[in-house]
Protein backbone atom coordinates (compact mmCIF):
# COMPACT_ATOMS: atom_id res chain seq x y z
CA MET A 1 -66.40 -144.96 -46.37
CA PRO A 2 -64.49 -147.26 -44.07
CA GLN A 3 -66.05 -148.57 -40.82
CA ALA A 4 -65.81 -146.64 -37.77
CA THR A 5 -63.16 -147.95 -35.47
CA PRO A 6 -64.75 -149.56 -32.37
CA LEU A 7 -65.28 -147.54 -29.23
CA PRO A 8 -62.31 -148.40 -26.54
CA ASP A 9 -63.30 -151.42 -23.82
CA GLY A 10 -64.63 -149.30 -20.89
CA LEU A 11 -66.08 -146.22 -22.49
CA VAL A 12 -70.04 -146.77 -23.07
CA PRO A 13 -72.13 -143.87 -24.45
CA PRO A 14 -73.19 -141.25 -23.87
CA PHE A 15 -69.62 -139.64 -22.83
CA SER A 16 -67.93 -136.53 -22.40
CA VAL A 17 -65.45 -135.41 -25.11
CA ALA A 18 -63.06 -135.12 -22.55
CA THR A 19 -63.36 -138.69 -21.20
CA ALA A 20 -63.07 -140.17 -24.68
CA ARG A 21 -59.68 -138.45 -24.72
CA HIS A 22 -58.85 -139.90 -21.68
CA PHE A 23 -59.39 -143.44 -23.15
CA GLY A 24 -57.34 -142.51 -26.46
CA MET A 25 -59.75 -141.25 -29.15
CA SER A 26 -59.03 -139.11 -31.89
CA ASP A 27 -60.84 -135.98 -32.67
CA SER A 28 -61.48 -137.47 -36.29
CA ARG A 29 -63.28 -140.49 -33.93
CA LEU A 30 -65.11 -138.28 -32.42
CA ARG A 31 -66.64 -136.47 -35.40
CA ARG A 32 -67.80 -139.59 -36.92
CA LYS A 33 -71.36 -139.96 -37.86
CA ASP A 34 -72.04 -142.99 -35.57
CA LEU A 35 -71.81 -140.95 -32.55
CA SER A 36 -74.81 -138.33 -32.02
CA ARG A 37 -73.93 -134.71 -30.24
CA PRO A 38 -76.95 -134.23 -27.67
CA PHE A 39 -75.09 -131.32 -26.13
CA HIS A 40 -71.57 -129.92 -26.99
CA GLY A 41 -69.23 -131.36 -25.02
CA VAL A 42 -71.00 -134.84 -25.34
CA ARG A 43 -71.20 -137.68 -27.21
CA SER A 44 -74.02 -140.63 -27.34
CA VAL A 45 -75.58 -142.82 -29.89
CA ASP A 46 -78.32 -142.16 -32.27
CA HIS A 47 -81.75 -142.86 -30.90
CA VAL A 48 -84.85 -144.28 -32.86
CA GLY A 49 -88.46 -143.25 -32.03
CA ALA A 50 -90.00 -140.20 -31.16
CA ASP A 51 -87.93 -137.95 -29.22
CA ASP A 52 -90.73 -136.68 -26.43
CA GLY A 53 -91.96 -138.03 -23.28
CA GLU A 54 -90.78 -139.29 -20.24
CA GLU A 55 -88.46 -141.77 -22.02
CA SER A 56 -86.36 -138.80 -24.23
CA ILE A 57 -86.33 -136.80 -20.92
CA VAL A 58 -84.48 -139.67 -18.78
CA ARG A 59 -82.08 -140.20 -21.80
CA ARG A 60 -81.40 -136.49 -22.52
CA ALA A 61 -80.67 -135.71 -18.69
CA ILE A 62 -78.13 -138.72 -18.30
CA GLU A 63 -76.62 -137.53 -21.61
CA TYR A 64 -76.30 -133.85 -20.30
CA SER A 65 -74.94 -134.94 -17.28
CA ARG A 66 -71.80 -135.82 -19.00
CA ARG A 67 -70.95 -132.09 -18.63
CA MET A 68 -73.17 -130.88 -16.04
CA ARG A 69 -70.77 -128.37 -13.81
CA GLU A 70 -70.86 -129.38 -10.02
CA GLU A 71 -72.98 -126.26 -9.18
CA GLU A 72 -75.79 -127.72 -11.52
CA PHE A 73 -78.90 -129.96 -11.05
CA PHE A 74 -81.93 -130.70 -12.32
CA SER A 75 -85.58 -129.38 -11.53
CA HIS A 76 -89.17 -128.86 -12.28
CA VAL A 77 -90.07 -130.84 -14.90
CA THR A 78 -87.03 -132.74 -15.67
CA ALA A 79 -86.60 -133.61 -12.19
CA ALA A 80 -90.31 -134.52 -11.47
CA VAL A 81 -89.82 -137.12 -14.71
CA LEU A 82 -86.91 -138.41 -12.80
CA TRP A 83 -88.77 -139.17 -9.75
CA GLY A 84 -91.34 -140.93 -11.53
CA LEU A 85 -93.69 -138.15 -10.56
CA PRO A 86 -97.13 -138.02 -12.65
CA LEU A 87 -97.23 -135.09 -15.25
CA PRO A 88 -99.93 -134.06 -18.00
CA PRO A 89 -98.52 -134.55 -21.22
CA GLN A 90 -98.66 -131.17 -22.52
CA SER A 91 -95.86 -130.63 -19.73
CA LEU A 92 -93.71 -132.72 -21.48
CA LEU A 93 -93.49 -130.76 -24.91
CA ALA A 94 -92.22 -127.42 -25.73
CA ARG A 95 -93.95 -125.46 -28.89
CA SER A 96 -91.90 -124.61 -31.78
CA ARG A 97 -92.51 -121.50 -33.73
CA GLY A 98 -94.40 -123.48 -35.95
CA ASP A 99 -96.84 -124.83 -33.26
CA ALA A 100 -95.51 -128.42 -33.83
CA ALA A 101 -94.77 -130.45 -30.64
CA MET A 102 -91.13 -130.76 -30.11
CA ALA A 103 -88.83 -132.30 -26.96
CA ARG A 104 -89.00 -129.94 -23.88
CA PRO A 105 -85.78 -128.30 -23.16
CA LEU A 106 -84.30 -129.83 -19.80
CA ASP A 107 -84.72 -127.81 -16.66
CA VAL A 108 -81.19 -127.29 -15.49
CA ALA A 109 -81.03 -124.98 -12.00
CA VAL A 110 -78.26 -123.41 -9.86
CA ARG A 111 -78.25 -121.86 -7.05
CA LEU A 112 -77.86 -118.15 -6.50
CA PRO A 113 -75.79 -116.34 -6.94
CA ALA A 114 -74.23 -119.34 -9.69
CA ARG A 115 -75.24 -118.38 -12.77
CA ALA A 116 -77.44 -120.45 -14.80
CA GLY A 117 -76.47 -122.62 -17.78
CA ARG A 118 -76.99 -121.70 -21.51
CA ALA A 119 -77.04 -124.60 -23.85
CA ARG A 120 -78.93 -125.73 -26.73
CA GLY A 121 -81.44 -128.16 -25.03
CA ILE A 122 -81.66 -126.61 -21.49
CA ARG A 123 -83.46 -124.20 -20.02
CA GLY A 124 -80.94 -122.83 -17.20
CA ARG A 125 -83.07 -121.72 -13.77
CA SER A 126 -81.48 -119.90 -10.99
CA ILE A 127 -83.23 -120.66 -7.54
CA SER A 128 -82.44 -118.65 -4.26
CA PRO A 129 -80.68 -121.03 -1.79
CA HIS A 130 -83.74 -120.99 0.74
CA LEU A 131 -85.33 -122.58 -1.94
CA ALA A 132 -83.24 -125.36 -3.33
CA GLU A 133 -82.80 -129.09 -1.78
CA VAL A 134 -81.07 -131.21 -3.90
CA SER A 135 -80.45 -134.82 -2.95
CA ILE A 136 -78.77 -137.62 -5.48
CA HIS A 137 -81.68 -139.72 -7.45
CA PRO A 138 -80.79 -143.44 -6.09
CA LEU A 139 -80.89 -145.06 -9.76
CA THR A 140 -79.58 -142.71 -11.92
CA GLY A 141 -77.20 -141.26 -9.32
CA LEU A 142 -77.84 -137.63 -10.89
CA ARG A 143 -78.40 -134.70 -8.94
CA VAL A 144 -82.14 -133.48 -8.69
CA SER A 145 -84.19 -131.69 -6.77
CA THR A 146 -85.74 -133.79 -3.76
CA PRO A 147 -89.19 -134.81 -4.66
CA ALA A 148 -90.81 -131.93 -2.23
CA ALA A 149 -88.81 -129.18 -3.54
CA VAL A 150 -90.05 -130.33 -7.03
CA TRP A 151 -93.65 -130.36 -6.28
CA ALA A 152 -93.13 -126.65 -4.68
CA GLU A 153 -91.15 -125.60 -8.14
CA LEU A 154 -94.18 -127.18 -10.10
CA ALA A 155 -96.29 -124.33 -8.72
CA THR A 156 -95.68 -122.12 -11.63
CA GLU A 157 -96.26 -125.13 -14.21
CA LEU A 158 -99.35 -126.98 -13.47
CA ALA A 159 -103.07 -126.33 -12.74
CA LEU A 160 -104.07 -126.84 -9.30
CA GLU A 161 -105.32 -130.74 -9.63
CA ASP A 162 -102.23 -131.83 -11.42
CA LEU A 163 -100.17 -130.17 -8.44
CA VAL A 164 -102.04 -131.99 -6.08
CA ALA A 165 -101.63 -135.34 -8.23
CA VAL A 166 -98.17 -134.76 -7.57
CA GLY A 167 -98.42 -133.91 -4.03
CA ASP A 168 -100.10 -137.12 -3.68
CA ALA A 169 -97.53 -139.22 -5.79
CA ALA A 170 -94.53 -138.07 -4.06
CA VAL A 171 -96.42 -138.95 -0.42
CA ARG A 172 -97.84 -142.33 -1.65
CA GLU A 173 -97.42 -144.96 1.30
CA PRO A 174 -97.10 -148.48 0.78
CA MET A 175 -99.59 -150.21 0.56
CA TRP A 176 -99.03 -153.55 -1.34
CA GLU A 177 -96.36 -155.77 0.20
CA THR A 178 -94.13 -154.66 -2.91
CA ASP A 179 -94.62 -151.16 -3.12
CA ALA A 180 -91.71 -148.76 -2.48
CA ALA A 181 -91.40 -146.41 0.28
CA ALA A 182 -92.88 -142.91 -0.30
CA LEU A 183 -90.72 -140.45 -1.95
CA ALA A 184 -91.51 -137.80 0.85
CA SER A 185 -93.74 -137.30 3.86
CA VAL A 186 -96.15 -134.80 4.52
CA ALA A 187 -94.17 -132.84 6.70
CA ASP A 188 -91.55 -132.69 3.90
CA LEU A 189 -93.96 -131.21 1.70
CA ASP A 190 -94.95 -128.66 4.21
CA ARG A 191 -91.42 -127.45 4.77
CA ALA A 192 -91.22 -126.69 1.26
CA LEU A 193 -94.19 -124.86 1.79
CA GLY A 194 -92.59 -122.67 4.28
CA ALA A 195 -89.18 -122.56 2.83
CA GLY A 196 -89.61 -119.11 2.03
CA ARG A 197 -91.44 -116.39 -0.85
CA ARG A 198 -91.43 -118.05 -3.88
CA LEU A 199 -93.85 -117.86 -7.45
CA GLY A 200 -97.18 -119.77 -7.23
CA VAL A 201 -96.96 -120.01 -3.18
CA ASP A 202 -100.76 -119.34 -3.94
CA ARG A 203 -101.30 -122.35 -5.35
CA LEU A 204 -99.23 -124.32 -3.18
CA ARG A 205 -101.16 -123.12 -0.28
CA ALA A 206 -104.51 -124.56 -2.07
CA ALA A 207 -103.18 -127.59 -3.05
CA ARG A 208 -101.49 -128.69 0.19
CA PRO A 209 -104.25 -129.54 2.30
CA LEU A 210 -105.81 -131.82 -1.03
CA VAL A 211 -102.88 -133.88 -1.12
CA ARG A 212 -103.37 -137.39 0.40
CA THR A 213 -101.27 -140.05 0.99
CA ARG A 214 -103.20 -143.20 -0.34
CA SER A 215 -103.64 -141.97 -3.93
CA ARG A 216 -102.17 -144.16 -6.61
CA SER A 217 -102.66 -142.48 -9.99
CA ARG A 218 -103.08 -139.05 -11.20
CA PRO A 219 -106.68 -139.90 -12.39
CA GLU A 220 -107.53 -141.27 -9.10
CA THR A 221 -106.10 -137.85 -7.79
CA HIS A 222 -108.82 -136.06 -10.28
CA LEU A 223 -111.61 -138.25 -9.36
CA ARG A 224 -111.25 -138.00 -5.88
CA LEU A 225 -111.27 -133.89 -6.51
CA ALA A 226 -114.06 -134.21 -8.82
CA PHE A 227 -116.16 -135.52 -5.84
CA VAL A 228 -115.41 -132.63 -3.85
CA GLU A 229 -116.31 -130.12 -6.75
CA ALA A 230 -119.35 -131.53 -6.88
CA GLY A 231 -120.23 -130.88 -3.37
CA LEU A 232 -120.19 -134.64 -2.18
CA LEU A 233 -118.11 -135.93 0.91
CA GLU A 234 -114.74 -137.03 0.01
CA PRO A 235 -114.63 -140.69 -0.52
CA GLU A 236 -111.72 -142.80 1.06
CA CYS A 237 -108.62 -143.28 -1.02
CA ASN A 238 -107.90 -147.04 -1.45
CA TRP A 239 -109.64 -149.08 0.54
CA PRO A 240 -108.74 -151.95 1.64
CA VAL A 241 -110.68 -155.47 1.33
CA LEU A 242 -109.63 -158.01 3.64
CA ASP A 243 -110.03 -161.45 4.47
CA GLY A 244 -108.62 -161.61 7.86
CA ASP A 245 -105.40 -160.39 7.77
CA ARG A 246 -105.13 -160.99 3.84
CA LEU A 247 -105.92 -158.04 1.41
CA LEU A 248 -107.70 -158.79 -0.98
CA ALA A 249 -108.52 -155.68 -2.91
CA LEU A 250 -107.65 -151.97 -2.99
CA LEU A 251 -111.13 -150.08 -4.14
CA ASP A 252 -109.89 -146.73 -5.87
CA LEU A 253 -112.65 -144.71 -4.12
CA ALA A 254 -114.96 -145.86 -1.55
CA TYR A 255 -117.52 -145.04 0.57
CA PRO A 256 -117.21 -147.91 3.10
CA GLY A 257 -120.58 -147.30 4.96
CA ALA A 258 -122.47 -147.35 1.88
CA GLY A 259 -120.85 -149.98 0.56
CA VAL A 260 -120.36 -147.93 -2.56
CA CYS A 261 -116.71 -147.83 -4.67
CA PHE A 262 -115.41 -146.25 -7.84
CA GLU A 263 -112.72 -147.73 -9.72
CA TYR A 264 -111.12 -145.88 -12.77
CA GLU A 265 -110.79 -147.98 -15.63
CA GLY A 266 -107.72 -147.21 -17.57
CA GLU A 267 -106.86 -147.93 -20.87
CA HIS A 268 -104.28 -150.58 -20.38
CA HIS A 269 -106.90 -152.74 -18.78
CA LEU A 270 -108.77 -152.94 -22.10
CA ARG A 271 -105.48 -153.67 -23.78
CA ASP A 272 -104.32 -156.70 -21.63
CA PRO A 273 -106.23 -159.61 -21.84
CA GLU A 274 -104.76 -161.27 -18.78
CA GLN A 275 -105.53 -157.76 -16.91
CA TRP A 276 -109.05 -157.66 -18.06
CA ALA A 277 -109.67 -161.43 -16.77
CA ARG A 278 -108.46 -160.07 -13.75
CA ASP A 279 -110.58 -157.40 -13.56
CA ILE A 280 -113.60 -159.38 -14.33
CA ARG A 281 -112.87 -161.77 -11.36
CA ARG A 282 -112.19 -158.85 -9.09
CA HIS A 283 -115.66 -157.54 -10.30
CA GLU A 284 -117.08 -160.54 -9.40
CA MET A 285 -115.65 -161.07 -5.88
CA LEU A 286 -116.29 -157.60 -4.52
CA VAL A 287 -119.99 -158.29 -5.70
CA GLU A 288 -120.22 -160.81 -3.81
CA ARG A 289 -118.91 -159.11 -0.66
CA GLY A 290 -122.15 -156.86 -1.00
CA TRP A 291 -120.06 -153.52 -2.89
CA ARG A 292 -121.75 -151.53 -5.26
CA ILE A 293 -119.15 -150.80 -8.08
CA VAL A 294 -119.66 -147.53 -10.29
CA ARG A 295 -116.61 -147.93 -12.81
CA VAL A 296 -115.45 -144.69 -14.79
CA THR A 297 -113.44 -144.22 -17.70
CA LYS A 298 -111.28 -141.43 -18.98
CA ASP A 299 -113.90 -140.20 -20.94
CA ASP A 300 -116.19 -139.96 -17.84
CA LEU A 301 -113.64 -138.14 -15.82
CA TYR A 302 -112.65 -135.55 -18.31
CA ARG A 303 -115.48 -135.07 -21.13
CA HIS A 304 -118.52 -136.13 -19.01
CA ARG A 305 -118.12 -134.98 -16.15
CA GLU A 306 -121.69 -133.85 -15.50
CA GLU A 307 -122.94 -137.20 -16.45
CA LEU A 308 -120.59 -138.99 -13.75
CA PHE A 309 -121.71 -136.80 -10.77
CA THR A 310 -125.30 -138.12 -11.76
CA ARG A 311 -123.94 -141.29 -11.81
CA ILE A 312 -122.39 -141.21 -8.43
CA ARG A 313 -125.18 -139.78 -6.78
CA LEU A 314 -127.80 -142.22 -8.52
CA ALA A 315 -125.49 -145.06 -6.81
CA LEU A 316 -125.33 -143.47 -3.49
CA ALA A 317 -129.05 -142.83 -3.09
CA ALA A 318 -129.68 -146.40 -4.30
CA ARG A 319 -127.77 -147.64 -0.54
CA ASP A 320 -129.69 -144.87 1.48
């Protein structure tokens, strides 16, 4: 088969068929196998690798945007991924009839009374106008539910602890100089909660008082909630360790009065030698400053929680 004609200058995949024709592409060129068809009326290039997870959702959202109607916007899980809000891995997947994991359809919404879209690879959603709040994503330029609206939309999708984690991430305040501004304010969450009747409102009401502005990850949120579950006093989130005005460290969770802190050790810490070396130096610095450090792993938090509670209580008792 002859080599495909190069794409016209200025036409970068993904693109709509209408745009391609505007650039002078023929129907036969649009049918060539070097171009994939992720959605009707859209052409892209074949993707190599697993077709699941956050990267897949972002890529497919950009592809679908080339055919979006003016009244459509991304919502729910798709919007959460676009904003970088933390989700449990299983929420990024759909299940086929054979129970095999597959890519989750994109959440594409409209305000009622507009009719939700129907297309392969999307889940059309109709949202009451008083509950829909839409903005333009600053990096992708896509129409998307605002972070606070996404938090409220996910009340029917997530367990309580993950709904709290999304709220925490949305309102996270800058703690280091390089941190970005918060995506939303606590007042934004309150407005979303009070916008009107919706499915999942009871879970939203339960989650809202548990949201904090200084949690830096989903596991940190889960660990903090585990303290409350165990009947312990809620620890401080990302407590700053200072040398004068200089910020030396942020302690994931801490009881400053007792000098006890709890550090969640993500698996990436073990895979990165430089990070591991920094962790060792940081640990020694904190011990020298009088901190008792309890290190918590994924296994501790999600599989051996009762043993973790015992370690927490022993660490606190040792400082009484």
